Amino acid sequence: MDRIWAPWRFKYLTAGDPPASSSGSIFAGFAESQDDRTNGIIYRGKHSFALLNAFPYAGGHLMVVPYRLTGDIAELNDEELLEINQLVKRCTIWLRNAYSPQGFNIGVNMGMAAGAGIPNHIHWQIVPRWGGDTNFMTVVGETRVLPQSLGETYDLLRSIIDSEVVET
């Protein structure tokens, strides 16, 4: 195979830099912006928010990010940690309803040596998984093949979140 045609990615490639905050953090810039669809934010809580990963390992790859900037889980208080973990749980429920994955990889990269790419920042990764979802494209071609655009993923997950029954 000489070419992979993915015209929907052109808009993503030419969109320019994401918004930054006064702190310089990309994620703080997303949180400060009100354009949730453009930034992929599917849910906002009191201490954290959930958003689509712009560089997903698999379709539906989400992240949960605390609003407070820190690169160390030990600096988060119990209220923040509780909400973050409850939101990670909700993300798995939303992804199950949307895609029926057979499993999940859930994790945190803390520190540059552990793969954290942004200093003084921590976030949780929620990656839906299916048997056989890695193939020659991922292994040999170092390329991810996603069955759905980020915009379509956003719309599907927002429709699931919006249809939730709110408990009082």
N, C-alpha and C. Protein backbone atom coordinates (compact mmCIF):
# COMPACT_ATOMS: atom_id res chain seq x y z
N MET A 1 0.85 -1.17 0.00
CA MET A 1 0.00 0.00 0.00
C MET A 1 0.90 1.24 0.00
N ASP A 2 0.74 2.09 -0.99
CA ASP A 2 1.55 3.29 -1.11
C ASP A 2 0.94 4.51 -0.45
N ARG A 3 -0.39 4.59 -0.39
CA ARG A 3 -1.05 5.78 0.14
C ARG A 3 -2.21 5.40 1.05
N ILE A 4 -2.40 6.23 2.04
CA ILE A 4 -3.58 6.12 2.89
C ILE A 4 -4.32 7.45 2.73
N TRP A 5 -5.56 7.39 2.31
CA TRP A 5 -6.34 8.59 2.04
C TRP A 5 -7.20 8.88 3.27
N ALA A 6 -6.97 10.02 3.92
CA ALA A 6 -7.74 10.42 5.11
C ALA A 6 -8.02 11.92 5.02
N PRO A 7 -8.90 12.33 4.10
CA PRO A 7 -9.12 13.76 3.89
C PRO A 7 -9.69 14.49 5.08
N TRP A 8 -10.38 13.82 5.98
CA TRP A 8 -10.95 14.48 7.16
C TRP A 8 -9.86 15.03 8.06
N ARG A 9 -8.62 14.52 7.98
CA ARG A 9 -7.54 15.00 8.84
C ARG A 9 -6.98 16.35 8.39
N PHE A 10 -7.29 16.79 7.18
CA PHE A 10 -6.74 18.06 6.69
C PHE A 10 -7.15 19.22 7.58
N LYS A 11 -8.41 19.25 7.99
CA LYS A 11 -8.87 20.32 8.88
C LYS A 11 -8.08 20.30 10.18
N TYR A 12 -7.84 19.12 10.73
CA TYR A 12 -7.08 18.98 11.96
C TYR A 12 -5.64 19.48 11.78
N LEU A 13 -5.03 19.12 10.64
CA LEU A 13 -3.64 19.50 10.40
C LEU A 13 -3.45 20.99 10.18
N THR A 14 -4.47 21.66 9.67
CA THR A 14 -4.35 23.09 9.36
C THR A 14 -5.02 24.00 10.38
N ALA A 15 -5.47 23.44 11.49
CA ALA A 15 -6.22 24.22 12.48
C ALA A 15 -5.36 25.21 13.26
N GLY A 16 -4.05 25.04 13.25
CA GLY A 16 -3.19 25.94 14.02
C GLY A 16 -3.02 25.43 15.44
N ASP A 17 -2.33 26.23 16.24
CA ASP A 17 -2.04 25.84 17.61
C ASP A 17 -3.30 25.90 18.46
N PRO A 18 -3.43 24.97 19.41
CA PRO A 18 -4.57 25.02 20.32
C PRO A 18 -4.46 26.21 21.25
N PRO A 19 -5.56 26.61 21.88
CA PRO A 19 -5.50 27.76 22.78
C PRO A 19 -4.61 27.48 23.98
N ALA A 20 -3.86 28.49 24.40
CA ALA A 20 -3.04 28.36 25.60
C ALA A 20 -3.58 29.33 26.64
N SER A 21 -3.34 29.01 27.88
CA SER A 21 -3.78 29.90 28.96
C SER A 21 -2.61 30.78 29.37
N SER A 22 -2.87 31.64 30.33
CA SER A 22 -1.79 32.49 30.84
C SER A 22 -0.70 31.65 31.47
N SER A 23 -1.03 30.42 31.89
CA SER A 23 -0.04 29.53 32.49
C SER A 23 0.79 28.83 31.40
N GLY A 24 0.34 28.92 30.14
CA GLY A 24 1.05 28.27 29.05
C GLY A 24 0.61 26.83 28.82
N SER A 25 -0.29 26.31 29.61
CA SER A 25 -0.74 24.93 29.47
C SER A 25 -1.81 24.83 28.39
N ILE A 26 -1.64 23.89 27.49
CA ILE A 26 -2.65 23.64 26.46
C ILE A 26 -3.97 23.25 27.10
N PHE A 27 -3.93 22.37 28.11
CA PHE A 27 -5.16 21.89 28.73
C PHE A 27 -5.85 22.97 29.54
N ALA A 28 -5.09 23.85 30.17
CA ALA A 28 -5.70 24.99 30.86
C ALA A 28 -6.36 25.91 29.84
N GLY A 29 -5.75 26.05 28.67
CA GLY A 29 -6.36 26.84 27.60
C GLY A 29 -7.67 26.25 27.13
N PHE A 30 -7.71 24.91 27.01
CA PHE A 30 -8.97 24.25 26.65
C PHE A 30 -10.03 24.52 27.71
N ALA A 31 -9.64 24.38 28.98
CA ALA A 31 -10.59 24.56 30.08
C ALA A 31 -11.12 25.99 30.12
N GLU A 32 -10.28 26.97 29.81
CA GLU A 32 -10.70 28.38 29.84
C GLU A 32 -11.59 28.75 28.65
N SER A 33 -11.41 28.05 27.54
CA SER A 33 -12.20 28.32 26.34
C SER A 33 -13.63 27.83 26.55
N GLN A 34 -14.56 28.45 25.86
CA GLN A 34 -15.95 28.01 25.91
C GLN A 34 -16.33 27.17 24.68
N ASP A 35 -15.39 26.93 23.79
CA ASP A 35 -15.66 26.18 22.57
C ASP A 35 -15.38 24.69 22.80
N ASP A 36 -16.27 24.03 23.53
CA ASP A 36 -16.04 22.64 23.91
C ASP A 36 -15.94 21.71 22.71
N ARG A 37 -16.75 21.91 21.69
CA ARG A 37 -16.70 21.01 20.54
C ARG A 37 -15.35 21.08 19.84
N THR A 38 -14.86 22.29 19.58
CA THR A 38 -13.56 22.45 18.93
C THR A 38 -12.45 21.83 19.77
N ASN A 39 -12.53 21.97 21.07
CA ASN A 39 -11.50 21.45 21.96
C ASN A 39 -11.74 20.00 22.38
N GLY A 40 -12.85 19.42 21.96
CA GLY A 40 -13.14 18.02 22.25
C GLY A 40 -13.58 17.75 23.67
N ILE A 41 -13.95 18.79 24.43
CA ILE A 41 -14.38 18.59 25.81
C ILE A 41 -15.81 18.04 25.80
N ILE A 42 -15.95 16.83 26.32
CA ILE A 42 -17.27 16.18 26.32
C ILE A 42 -18.00 16.35 27.64
N TYR A 43 -17.26 16.70 28.70
CA TYR A 43 -17.91 16.86 30.02
C TYR A 43 -17.05 17.76 30.90
N ARG A 44 -17.72 18.64 31.67
CA ARG A 44 -17.05 19.50 32.64
C ARG A 44 -17.59 19.22 34.03
N GLY A 45 -16.70 18.95 34.97
CA GLY A 45 -17.07 18.79 36.36
C GLY A 45 -16.58 19.99 37.16
N LYS A 46 -16.64 19.88 38.47
CA LYS A 46 -16.19 20.97 39.35
C LYS A 46 -14.67 21.07 39.39
N HIS A 47 -13.99 19.90 39.42
CA HIS A 47 -12.53 19.87 39.56
C HIS A 47 -11.80 19.33 38.34
N SER A 48 -12.54 18.76 37.38
CA SER A 48 -11.89 18.12 36.24
C SER A 48 -12.84 18.09 35.05
N PHE A 49 -12.27 17.76 33.89
CA PHE A 49 -13.08 17.65 32.68
C PHE A 49 -12.59 16.47 31.85
N ALA A 50 -13.47 15.98 30.97
CA ALA A 50 -13.13 14.88 30.09
C ALA A 50 -13.12 15.39 28.65
N LEU A 51 -12.14 14.93 27.88
CA LEU A 51 -12.06 15.35 26.49
C LEU A 51 -11.50 14.24 25.62
N LEU A 52 -11.72 14.39 24.32
CA LEU A 52 -11.16 13.46 23.35
C LEU A 52 -9.67 13.68 23.26
N ASN A 53 -8.92 12.61 23.09
CA ASN A 53 -7.50 12.72 22.83
C ASN A 53 -7.34 13.08 21.35
N ALA A 54 -6.64 14.17 21.07
CA ALA A 54 -6.45 14.61 19.68
C ALA A 54 -5.51 13.69 18.91
N PHE A 55 -4.75 12.85 19.63
CA PHE A 55 -3.84 11.88 19.01
C PHE A 55 -4.18 10.49 19.54
N PRO A 56 -5.38 9.99 19.22
CA PRO A 56 -5.88 8.77 19.87
C PRO A 56 -5.13 7.51 19.47
N TYR A 57 -5.01 6.59 20.44
CA TYR A 57 -4.48 5.25 20.17
C TYR A 57 -5.55 4.38 19.54
N ALA A 58 -6.81 4.68 19.88
CA ALA A 58 -7.95 3.93 19.35
C ALA A 58 -9.14 4.88 19.31
N GLY A 59 -10.15 4.54 18.50
CA GLY A 59 -11.35 5.35 18.46
C GLY A 59 -11.98 5.46 19.84
N GLY A 60 -12.39 6.66 20.24
CA GLY A 60 -13.00 6.87 21.54
C GLY A 60 -12.00 7.15 22.66
N HIS A 61 -10.71 7.24 22.36
CA HIS A 61 -9.68 7.49 23.38
C HIS A 61 -9.96 8.82 24.08
N LEU A 62 -10.20 8.77 25.40
CA LEU A 62 -10.53 9.95 26.19
C LEU A 62 -9.45 10.25 27.21
N MET A 63 -9.49 11.47 27.73
CA MET A 63 -8.61 11.88 28.81
C MET A 63 -9.44 12.61 29.86
N VAL A 64 -9.06 12.46 31.11
CA VAL A 64 -9.65 13.22 32.21
C VAL A 64 -8.54 14.09 32.79
N VAL A 65 -8.82 15.38 32.88
CA VAL A 65 -7.80 16.37 33.24
C VAL A 65 -8.29 17.21 34.42
N PRO A 66 -7.48 17.34 35.48
CA PRO A 66 -7.88 18.26 36.55
C PRO A 66 -7.72 19.70 36.08
N TYR A 67 -8.59 20.58 36.57
CA TYR A 67 -8.44 22.00 36.24
C TYR A 67 -7.18 22.58 36.86
N ARG A 68 -6.87 22.13 38.08
CA ARG A 68 -5.70 22.67 38.77
C ARG A 68 -4.44 22.08 38.16
N LEU A 69 -3.49 22.95 37.83
CA LEU A 69 -2.25 22.50 37.21
C LEU A 69 -1.34 21.86 38.25
N THR A 70 -0.97 20.62 37.98
CA THR A 70 0.01 19.91 38.77
C THR A 70 0.55 18.76 37.93
N GLY A 71 1.77 18.40 38.20
CA GLY A 71 2.35 17.25 37.51
C GLY A 71 2.47 16.05 38.43
N ASP A 72 1.89 16.14 39.63
CA ASP A 72 2.08 15.10 40.63
C ASP A 72 0.74 14.73 41.28
N ILE A 73 0.38 13.48 41.20
CA ILE A 73 -0.88 13.01 41.77
C ILE A 73 -0.95 13.28 43.27
N ALA A 74 0.20 13.29 43.94
CA ALA A 74 0.23 13.53 45.39
C ALA A 74 -0.19 14.95 45.75
N GLU A 75 -0.18 15.86 44.78
CA GLU A 75 -0.58 17.25 45.04
C GLU A 75 -2.10 17.46 44.90
N LEU A 76 -2.81 16.46 44.38
CA LEU A 76 -4.27 16.58 44.27
C LEU A 76 -4.91 16.22 45.60
N ASN A 77 -5.94 16.97 45.96
CA ASN A 77 -6.62 16.68 47.23
C ASN A 77 -7.65 15.56 47.03
N ASP A 78 -8.21 15.08 48.14
CA ASP A 78 -9.15 13.96 48.07
C ASP A 78 -10.39 14.27 47.24
N GLU A 79 -10.90 15.49 47.34
CA GLU A 79 -12.08 15.86 46.57
C GLU A 79 -11.79 15.83 45.07
N GLU A 80 -10.62 16.33 44.68
CA GLU A 80 -10.23 16.29 43.26
C GLU A 80 -10.06 14.85 42.79
N LEU A 81 -9.36 14.04 43.58
CA LEU A 81 -9.13 12.65 43.20
C LEU A 81 -10.43 11.85 43.10
N LEU A 82 -11.35 12.10 44.03
CA LEU A 82 -12.63 11.41 43.98
C LEU A 82 -13.37 11.76 42.69
N GLU A 83 -13.46 13.04 42.37
CA GLU A 83 -14.17 13.43 41.15
C GLU A 83 -13.49 12.88 39.91
N ILE A 84 -12.17 12.93 39.87
CA ILE A 84 -11.43 12.41 38.71
C ILE A 84 -11.74 10.93 38.51
N ASN A 85 -11.66 10.16 39.58
CA ASN A 85 -11.91 8.72 39.46
C ASN A 85 -13.36 8.42 39.13
N GLN A 86 -14.29 9.20 39.65
CA GLN A 86 -15.69 9.02 39.27
C GLN A 86 -15.89 9.36 37.79
N LEU A 87 -15.17 10.36 37.31
CA LEU A 87 -15.29 10.73 35.89
C LEU A 87 -14.64 9.67 35.00
N VAL A 88 -13.53 9.09 35.43
CA VAL A 88 -12.94 7.97 34.67
C VAL A 88 -13.96 6.84 34.56
N LYS A 89 -14.65 6.53 35.66
CA LYS A 89 -15.69 5.49 35.64
C LYS A 89 -16.78 5.86 34.64
N ARG A 90 -17.26 7.11 34.69
CA ARG A 90 -18.32 7.54 33.77
C ARG A 90 -17.85 7.43 32.32
N CYS A 91 -16.60 7.76 32.06
CA CYS A 91 -16.06 7.65 30.70
C CYS A 91 -16.15 6.21 30.20
N THR A 92 -15.84 5.24 31.08
CA THR A 92 -15.94 3.84 30.64
C THR A 92 -17.38 3.47 30.33
N ILE A 93 -18.32 4.00 31.11
CA ILE A 93 -19.74 3.72 30.85
C ILE A 93 -20.16 4.33 29.52
N TRP A 94 -19.79 5.60 29.29
CA TRP A 94 -20.14 6.26 28.02
C TRP A 94 -19.54 5.51 26.83
N LEU A 95 -18.28 5.09 26.96
CA LEU A 95 -17.62 4.38 25.87
C LEU A 95 -18.24 3.00 25.64
N ARG A 96 -18.63 2.32 26.71
CA ARG A 96 -19.34 1.03 26.55
C ARG A 96 -20.64 1.22 25.79
N ASN A 97 -21.38 2.27 26.16
CA ASN A 97 -22.65 2.54 25.47
C ASN A 97 -22.44 2.92 24.01
N ALA A 98 -21.35 3.59 23.70
CA ALA A 98 -21.09 4.04 22.33
C ALA A 98 -20.49 2.95 21.45
N TYR A 99 -19.57 2.15 21.99
CA TYR A 99 -18.76 1.29 21.14
C TYR A 99 -18.69 -0.18 21.56
N SER A 100 -19.19 -0.53 22.73
CA SER A 100 -19.12 -1.91 23.22
C SER A 100 -17.70 -2.48 23.18
N PRO A 101 -16.72 -1.77 23.74
CA PRO A 101 -15.36 -2.33 23.73
C PRO A 101 -15.28 -3.57 24.62
N GLN A 102 -14.28 -4.39 24.35
CA GLN A 102 -14.09 -5.62 25.12
C GLN A 102 -13.21 -5.40 26.35
N GLY A 103 -12.60 -4.23 26.45
CA GLY A 103 -11.74 -3.91 27.59
C GLY A 103 -11.29 -2.46 27.51
N PHE A 104 -10.48 -2.06 28.47
CA PHE A 104 -9.96 -0.69 28.53
C PHE A 104 -8.52 -0.72 29.02
N ASN A 105 -7.72 0.20 28.52
CA ASN A 105 -6.46 0.57 29.15
C ASN A 105 -6.72 1.90 29.82
N ILE A 106 -6.46 1.97 31.12
CA ILE A 106 -6.64 3.21 31.89
C ILE A 106 -5.34 3.46 32.62
N GLY A 107 -4.81 4.69 32.46
CA GLY A 107 -3.55 4.96 33.13
C GLY A 107 -3.21 6.43 33.20
N VAL A 108 -2.11 6.70 33.91
CA VAL A 108 -1.59 8.05 34.10
C VAL A 108 -0.09 8.00 33.84
N ASN A 109 0.40 8.93 33.03
CA ASN A 109 1.84 9.11 32.85
C ASN A 109 2.23 10.30 33.71
N MET A 110 3.09 10.09 34.70
CA MET A 110 3.47 11.15 35.62
C MET A 110 4.98 11.33 35.54
N GLY A 111 5.40 12.47 35.01
CA GLY A 111 6.83 12.75 34.86
C GLY A 111 7.32 12.44 33.47
N MET A 112 8.28 13.22 33.00
CA MET A 112 8.81 13.07 31.64
C MET A 112 9.35 11.66 31.38
N ALA A 113 10.03 11.06 32.35
CA ALA A 113 10.59 9.73 32.17
C ALA A 113 9.51 8.67 31.99
N ALA A 114 8.30 8.97 32.46
CA ALA A 114 7.19 8.03 32.35
C ALA A 114 6.32 8.31 31.12
N GLY A 115 6.73 9.27 30.30
CA GLY A 115 6.00 9.55 29.07
C GLY A 115 5.10 10.76 29.12
N ALA A 116 5.09 11.50 30.24
CA ALA A 116 4.28 12.72 30.32
C ALA A 116 4.95 13.78 29.44
N GLY A 117 4.23 14.26 28.44
CA GLY A 117 4.81 15.18 27.48
C GLY A 117 4.72 16.65 27.85
N ILE A 118 3.92 16.98 28.87
CA ILE A 118 3.73 18.38 29.24
C ILE A 118 4.14 18.54 30.70
N PRO A 119 5.14 19.37 30.99
CA PRO A 119 5.57 19.55 32.39
C PRO A 119 4.45 20.14 33.25
N ASN A 120 4.44 19.80 34.52
CA ASN A 120 3.48 20.31 35.50
C ASN A 120 2.03 20.05 35.08
N HIS A 121 1.82 18.89 34.50
CA HIS A 121 0.48 18.53 34.04
C HIS A 121 0.29 17.03 34.25
N ILE A 122 -0.91 16.65 34.67
CA ILE A 122 -1.24 15.24 34.83
C ILE A 122 -2.63 15.01 34.24
N HIS A 123 -2.81 13.87 33.63
CA HIS A 123 -4.14 13.50 33.15
C HIS A 123 -4.25 11.98 33.08
N TRP A 124 -5.48 11.52 33.08
CA TRP A 124 -5.79 10.10 33.01
C TRP A 124 -6.18 9.76 31.58
N GLN A 125 -5.71 8.63 31.08
CA GLN A 125 -6.03 8.14 29.73
C GLN A 125 -7.04 7.00 29.86
N ILE A 126 -8.08 7.02 29.04
CA ILE A 126 -9.05 5.94 28.98
C ILE A 126 -9.11 5.50 27.51
N VAL A 127 -8.58 4.31 27.24
CA VAL A 127 -8.50 3.82 25.86
C VAL A 127 -9.35 2.56 25.73
N PRO A 128 -10.45 2.63 24.95
CA PRO A 128 -11.23 1.41 24.72
C PRO A 128 -10.43 0.43 23.85
N ARG A 129 -10.61 -0.88 24.13
CA ARG A 129 -9.84 -1.89 23.41
C ARG A 129 -10.74 -3.03 22.94
N TRP A 130 -10.36 -3.62 21.84
CA TRP A 130 -11.05 -4.77 21.26
C TRP A 130 -10.00 -5.82 20.89
N GLY A 131 -10.37 -7.09 20.97
CA GLY A 131 -9.45 -8.14 20.54
C GLY A 131 -9.05 -7.92 19.09
N GLY A 132 -7.77 -7.93 18.80
CA GLY A 132 -7.29 -7.76 17.43
C GLY A 132 -7.28 -6.32 16.95
N ASP A 133 -7.39 -5.34 17.87
CA ASP A 133 -7.45 -3.94 17.41
C ASP A 133 -6.08 -3.37 17.04
N THR A 134 -5.02 -4.11 17.30
CA THR A 134 -3.72 -3.71 16.78
C THR A 134 -3.39 -4.64 15.62
N ASN A 135 -2.91 -4.07 14.55
CA ASN A 135 -2.64 -4.85 13.35
C ASN A 135 -1.34 -4.37 12.72
N PHE A 136 -1.07 -4.77 11.50
CA PHE A 136 0.18 -4.40 10.85
C PHE A 136 0.34 -2.89 10.73
N MET A 137 -0.76 -2.15 10.58
CA MET A 137 -0.66 -0.69 10.44
C MET A 137 -0.05 -0.07 11.70
N THR A 138 -0.50 -0.53 12.86
CA THR A 138 0.00 0.00 14.12
C THR A 138 1.41 -0.50 14.41
N VAL A 139 1.63 -1.80 14.20
CA VAL A 139 2.90 -2.41 14.57
C VAL A 139 4.01 -2.06 13.58
N VAL A 140 3.78 -2.29 12.29
CA VAL A 140 4.82 -2.09 11.28
C VAL A 140 4.82 -0.66 10.76
N GLY A 141 3.65 -0.13 10.46
CA GLY A 141 3.57 1.19 9.86
C GLY A 141 3.58 2.34 10.83
N GLU A 142 3.55 2.03 12.15
CA GLU A 142 3.50 3.06 13.19
C GLU A 142 2.41 4.09 12.87
N THR A 143 1.24 3.58 12.44
CA THR A 143 0.12 4.40 12.02
C THR A 143 -1.15 3.90 12.71
N ARG A 144 -1.96 4.80 13.21
CA ARG A 144 -3.23 4.43 13.80
C ARG A 144 -4.32 4.55 12.73
N VAL A 145 -5.20 3.59 12.70
CA VAL A 145 -6.33 3.63 11.78
C VAL A 145 -7.59 3.78 12.63
N LEU A 146 -8.24 4.91 12.49
CA LEU A 146 -9.43 5.20 13.29
C LEU A 146 -10.66 5.08 12.41
N PRO A 147 -11.70 4.41 12.90
CA PRO A 147 -12.88 4.19 12.09
C PRO A 147 -13.83 5.37 12.04
N GLN A 148 -13.52 6.44 12.79
CA GLN A 148 -14.46 7.56 12.91
C GLN A 148 -13.67 8.84 13.15
N SER A 149 -14.14 9.95 12.58
CA SER A 149 -13.47 11.23 12.81
C SER A 149 -13.68 11.69 14.25
N LEU A 150 -12.82 12.58 14.72
CA LEU A 150 -12.98 13.11 16.08
C LEU A 150 -14.32 13.82 16.25
N GLY A 151 -14.77 14.53 15.22
CA GLY A 151 -16.05 15.22 15.29
C GLY A 151 -17.22 14.26 15.45
N GLU A 152 -17.17 13.15 14.72
CA GLU A 152 -18.23 12.14 14.84
C GLU A 152 -18.19 11.47 16.22
N THR A 153 -16.99 11.21 16.72
CA THR A 153 -16.84 10.64 18.06
C THR A 153 -17.41 11.59 19.10
N TYR A 154 -17.08 12.88 18.98
CA TYR A 154 -17.58 13.89 19.91
C TYR A 154 -19.11 13.90 19.90
N ASP A 155 -19.71 13.95 18.71
CA ASP A 155 -21.17 14.01 18.61
C ASP A 155 -21.83 12.78 19.23
N LEU A 156 -21.27 11.60 18.99
CA LEU A 156 -21.84 10.38 19.54
C LEU A 156 -21.77 10.38 21.07
N LEU A 157 -20.61 10.70 21.62
CA LEU A 157 -20.47 10.70 23.07
C LEU A 157 -21.32 11.77 23.72
N ARG A 158 -21.39 12.96 23.12
CA ARG A 158 -22.24 14.02 23.69
C ARG A 158 -23.70 13.59 23.68
N SER A 159 -24.15 12.89 22.64
CA SER A 159 -25.55 12.44 22.60
C SER A 159 -25.81 11.44 23.72
N ILE A 160 -24.85 10.58 24.03
CA ILE A 160 -24.99 9.63 25.13
C ILE A 160 -25.02 10.36 26.47
N ILE A 161 -24.11 11.30 26.66
CA ILE A 161 -24.05 12.07 27.90
C ILE A 161 -25.32 12.89 28.08
N ASP A 162 -25.77 13.52 27.02
CA ASP A 162 -26.98 14.36 27.11
C ASP A 162 -28.23 13.55 27.41
N SER A 163 -28.23 12.26 27.07
CA SER A 163 -29.42 11.44 27.28
C SER A 163 -29.41 10.74 28.64
N GLU A 164 -28.34 10.93 29.43
CA GLU A 164 -28.28 10.31 30.76
C GLU A 164 -29.41 10.81 31.64
N VAL A 165 -29.90 9.93 32.47
CA VAL A 165 -30.90 10.30 33.46
C VAL A 165 -30.12 10.87 34.65
N VAL A 166 -30.43 12.09 35.02
CA VAL A 166 -29.75 12.73 36.13
C VAL A 166 -30.43 12.34 37.44
N GLU A 167 -29.66 11.77 38.35
CA GLU A 167 -30.20 11.39 39.64
C GLU A 167 -30.21 12.59 40.58
N THR A 168 -31.30 12.76 41.33
CA THR A 168 -31.38 13.88 42.28
C THR A 168 -31.40 13.40 43.70
